[in-house]
């Protein structure tokens, strides 16, 4: 179980980094930044939950 949580943490950290990069590059049109921002917040929440789940 601990290995699965570690893998999920790494995947969430990578996703958050990629969303941050995309957020910086996307123009401020068509609500694109809003969608990315919400995605970042969801991944950040998942990462917080995973970090709090220390097994």
N, C-alpha and C. Protein backbone atom coordinates (compact mmCIF):
# COMPACT_ATOMS: atom_id res chain seq x y z
N UNK A 1 0.83 -1.20 0.00
CA UNK A 1 0.00 0.00 0.00
C UNK A 1 0.87 1.25 0.00
N UNK A 2 1.95 1.23 0.74
CA UNK A 2 2.82 2.40 0.83
C UNK A 2 3.43 2.73 -0.53
N UNK A 3 3.80 1.71 -1.31
CA UNK A 3 4.39 1.94 -2.62
C UNK A 3 3.39 2.61 -3.55
N UNK A 4 2.13 2.17 -3.49
CA UNK A 4 1.10 2.76 -4.35
C UNK A 4 0.90 4.23 -4.02
N UNK A 5 0.91 4.56 -2.74
CA UNK A 5 0.74 5.96 -2.33
C UNK A 5 1.92 6.79 -2.83
N UNK A 6 3.13 6.26 -2.73
CA UNK A 6 4.31 6.99 -3.21
C UNK A 6 4.22 7.23 -4.72
N UNK A 7 3.75 6.23 -5.47
CA UNK A 7 3.60 6.39 -6.92
C UNK A 7 2.55 7.46 -7.21
N UNK A 8 1.44 7.42 -6.50
CA UNK A 8 0.40 8.43 -6.70
C UNK A 8 0.91 9.82 -6.36
N UNK A 9 1.72 9.94 -5.31
CA UNK A 9 2.30 11.24 -4.96
C UNK A 9 3.18 11.76 -6.08
N UNK A 10 4.04 10.90 -6.61
CA UNK A 10 4.92 11.34 -7.71
C UNK A 10 4.12 11.74 -8.93
N UNK A 11 3.08 10.98 -9.26
CA UNK A 11 2.25 11.33 -10.41
C UNK A 11 1.53 12.66 -10.19
N UNK A 12 1.02 12.88 -8.99
CA UNK A 12 0.33 14.14 -8.69
C UNK A 12 1.30 15.31 -8.74
N UNK A 13 2.51 15.12 -8.22
CA UNK A 13 3.51 16.20 -8.26
C UNK A 13 3.87 16.53 -9.70
N UNK A 14 4.02 15.52 -10.54
CA UNK A 14 4.35 15.74 -11.95
C UNK A 14 3.19 16.44 -12.65
N UNK A 15 1.97 16.01 -12.39
CA UNK A 15 0.80 16.65 -13.00
C UNK A 15 0.70 18.11 -12.59
N UNK A 16 0.96 18.40 -11.32
CA UNK A 16 0.90 19.76 -10.83
C UNK A 16 1.95 20.63 -11.51
N UNK A 17 3.14 20.10 -11.68
CA UNK A 17 4.21 20.83 -12.36
C UNK A 17 3.82 21.11 -13.81
N UNK A 18 3.26 20.12 -14.50
CA UNK A 18 2.86 20.30 -15.89
C UNK A 18 1.71 21.30 -16.01
N UNK A 19 0.77 21.27 -15.07
CA UNK A 19 -0.33 22.23 -15.09
C UNK A 19 0.19 23.64 -14.83
N UNK A 20 1.15 23.79 -13.94
CA UNK A 20 1.76 25.10 -13.69
C UNK A 20 2.41 25.64 -14.95
N UNK A 21 3.15 24.79 -15.65
CA UNK A 21 3.81 25.20 -16.89
C UNK A 21 2.78 25.63 -17.93
N UNK A 22 1.73 24.83 -18.09
CA UNK A 22 0.69 25.15 -19.07
C UNK A 22 -0.02 26.45 -18.70
N UNK A 23 -0.27 26.66 -17.42
CA UNK A 23 -0.96 27.87 -16.95
C UNK A 23 -0.16 29.12 -17.29
N UNK A 24 1.17 29.01 -17.17
CA UNK A 24 2.02 30.17 -17.47
C UNK A 24 2.03 30.49 -18.96
N UNK A 25 1.84 29.48 -19.80
CA UNK A 25 1.98 29.67 -21.25
C UNK A 25 0.69 29.99 -21.98
N UNK A 26 -0.45 29.62 -21.40
CA UNK A 26 -1.71 29.78 -22.14
C UNK A 26 -2.15 31.24 -22.12
N UNK A 27 -2.67 31.72 -23.25
CA UNK A 27 -3.19 33.09 -23.26
C UNK A 27 -4.46 33.20 -22.41
N UNK A 28 -4.79 34.40 -22.03
CA UNK A 28 -5.91 34.62 -21.12
C UNK A 28 -7.22 34.77 -21.90
N UNK A 29 -7.58 33.73 -22.67
CA UNK A 29 -8.82 33.78 -23.46
C UNK A 29 -9.59 32.47 -23.30
N UNK A 30 -10.88 32.52 -23.62
CA UNK A 30 -11.74 31.33 -23.64
C UNK A 30 -11.73 30.55 -22.33
N UNK A 31 -11.54 31.18 -21.21
CA UNK A 31 -11.55 30.53 -19.89
C UNK A 31 -10.51 29.43 -19.76
N UNK A 32 -9.53 29.38 -20.62
CA UNK A 32 -8.50 28.35 -20.54
C UNK A 32 -7.74 28.38 -19.23
N UNK A 33 -7.40 29.58 -18.77
CA UNK A 33 -6.68 29.68 -17.51
C UNK A 33 -7.55 29.24 -16.34
N UNK A 34 -8.83 29.52 -16.40
CA UNK A 34 -9.72 29.11 -15.32
C UNK A 34 -9.79 27.59 -15.22
N UNK A 35 -9.88 26.91 -16.36
CA UNK A 35 -9.92 25.44 -16.35
C UNK A 35 -8.61 24.87 -15.79
N UNK A 36 -7.49 25.44 -16.23
CA UNK A 36 -6.20 24.96 -15.72
C UNK A 36 -6.06 25.23 -14.23
N UNK A 37 -6.52 26.40 -13.79
CA UNK A 37 -6.41 26.74 -12.37
C UNK A 37 -7.23 25.76 -11.53
N UNK A 38 -8.44 25.45 -11.98
CA UNK A 38 -9.26 24.48 -11.23
C UNK A 38 -8.61 23.11 -11.22
N UNK A 39 -8.02 22.71 -12.34
CA UNK A 39 -7.31 21.44 -12.39
C UNK A 39 -6.14 21.42 -11.43
N UNK A 40 -5.39 22.52 -11.37
CA UNK A 40 -4.26 22.62 -10.44
C UNK A 40 -4.75 22.47 -9.01
N UNK A 41 -5.86 23.12 -8.69
CA UNK A 41 -6.38 23.06 -7.33
C UNK A 41 -6.83 21.64 -6.97
N UNK A 42 -7.40 20.93 -7.91
CA UNK A 42 -7.83 19.54 -7.66
C UNK A 42 -6.62 18.65 -7.41
N UNK A 43 -5.59 18.81 -8.23
CA UNK A 43 -4.39 18.00 -8.06
C UNK A 43 -3.71 18.36 -6.74
N UNK A 44 -3.67 19.65 -6.41
CA UNK A 44 -3.08 20.08 -5.14
C UNK A 44 -3.81 19.46 -3.96
N UNK A 45 -5.14 19.39 -4.04
CA UNK A 45 -5.95 18.78 -2.98
C UNK A 45 -5.66 17.28 -2.87
N UNK A 46 -5.57 16.61 -4.03
CA UNK A 46 -5.25 15.18 -4.01
C UNK A 46 -3.88 14.94 -3.39
N UNK A 47 -2.92 15.79 -3.73
CA UNK A 47 -1.57 15.66 -3.18
C UNK A 47 -1.58 15.87 -1.67
N UNK A 48 -2.36 16.83 -1.20
CA UNK A 48 -2.47 17.08 0.24
C UNK A 48 -3.05 15.84 0.94
N UNK A 49 -4.09 15.27 0.36
CA UNK A 49 -4.71 14.07 0.94
C UNK A 49 -3.71 12.93 0.98
N UNK A 50 -2.98 12.74 -0.12
CA UNK A 50 -1.98 11.67 -0.16
C UNK A 50 -0.88 11.89 0.88
N UNK A 51 -0.45 13.14 1.04
CA UNK A 51 0.59 13.42 2.03
C UNK A 51 0.09 13.19 3.46
N UNK A 52 -1.19 13.41 3.67
CA UNK A 52 -1.78 13.20 5.00
C UNK A 52 -2.05 11.72 5.29
N UNK A 53 -1.96 10.86 4.27
CA UNK A 53 -2.28 9.44 4.41
C UNK A 53 -1.08 8.60 4.82
N UNK A 54 -0.10 9.14 5.41
CA UNK A 54 1.10 8.38 5.77
C UNK A 54 0.72 7.05 6.39
N UNK A 55 1.16 5.98 5.74
CA UNK A 55 0.83 4.61 6.19
C UNK A 55 1.99 4.03 6.96
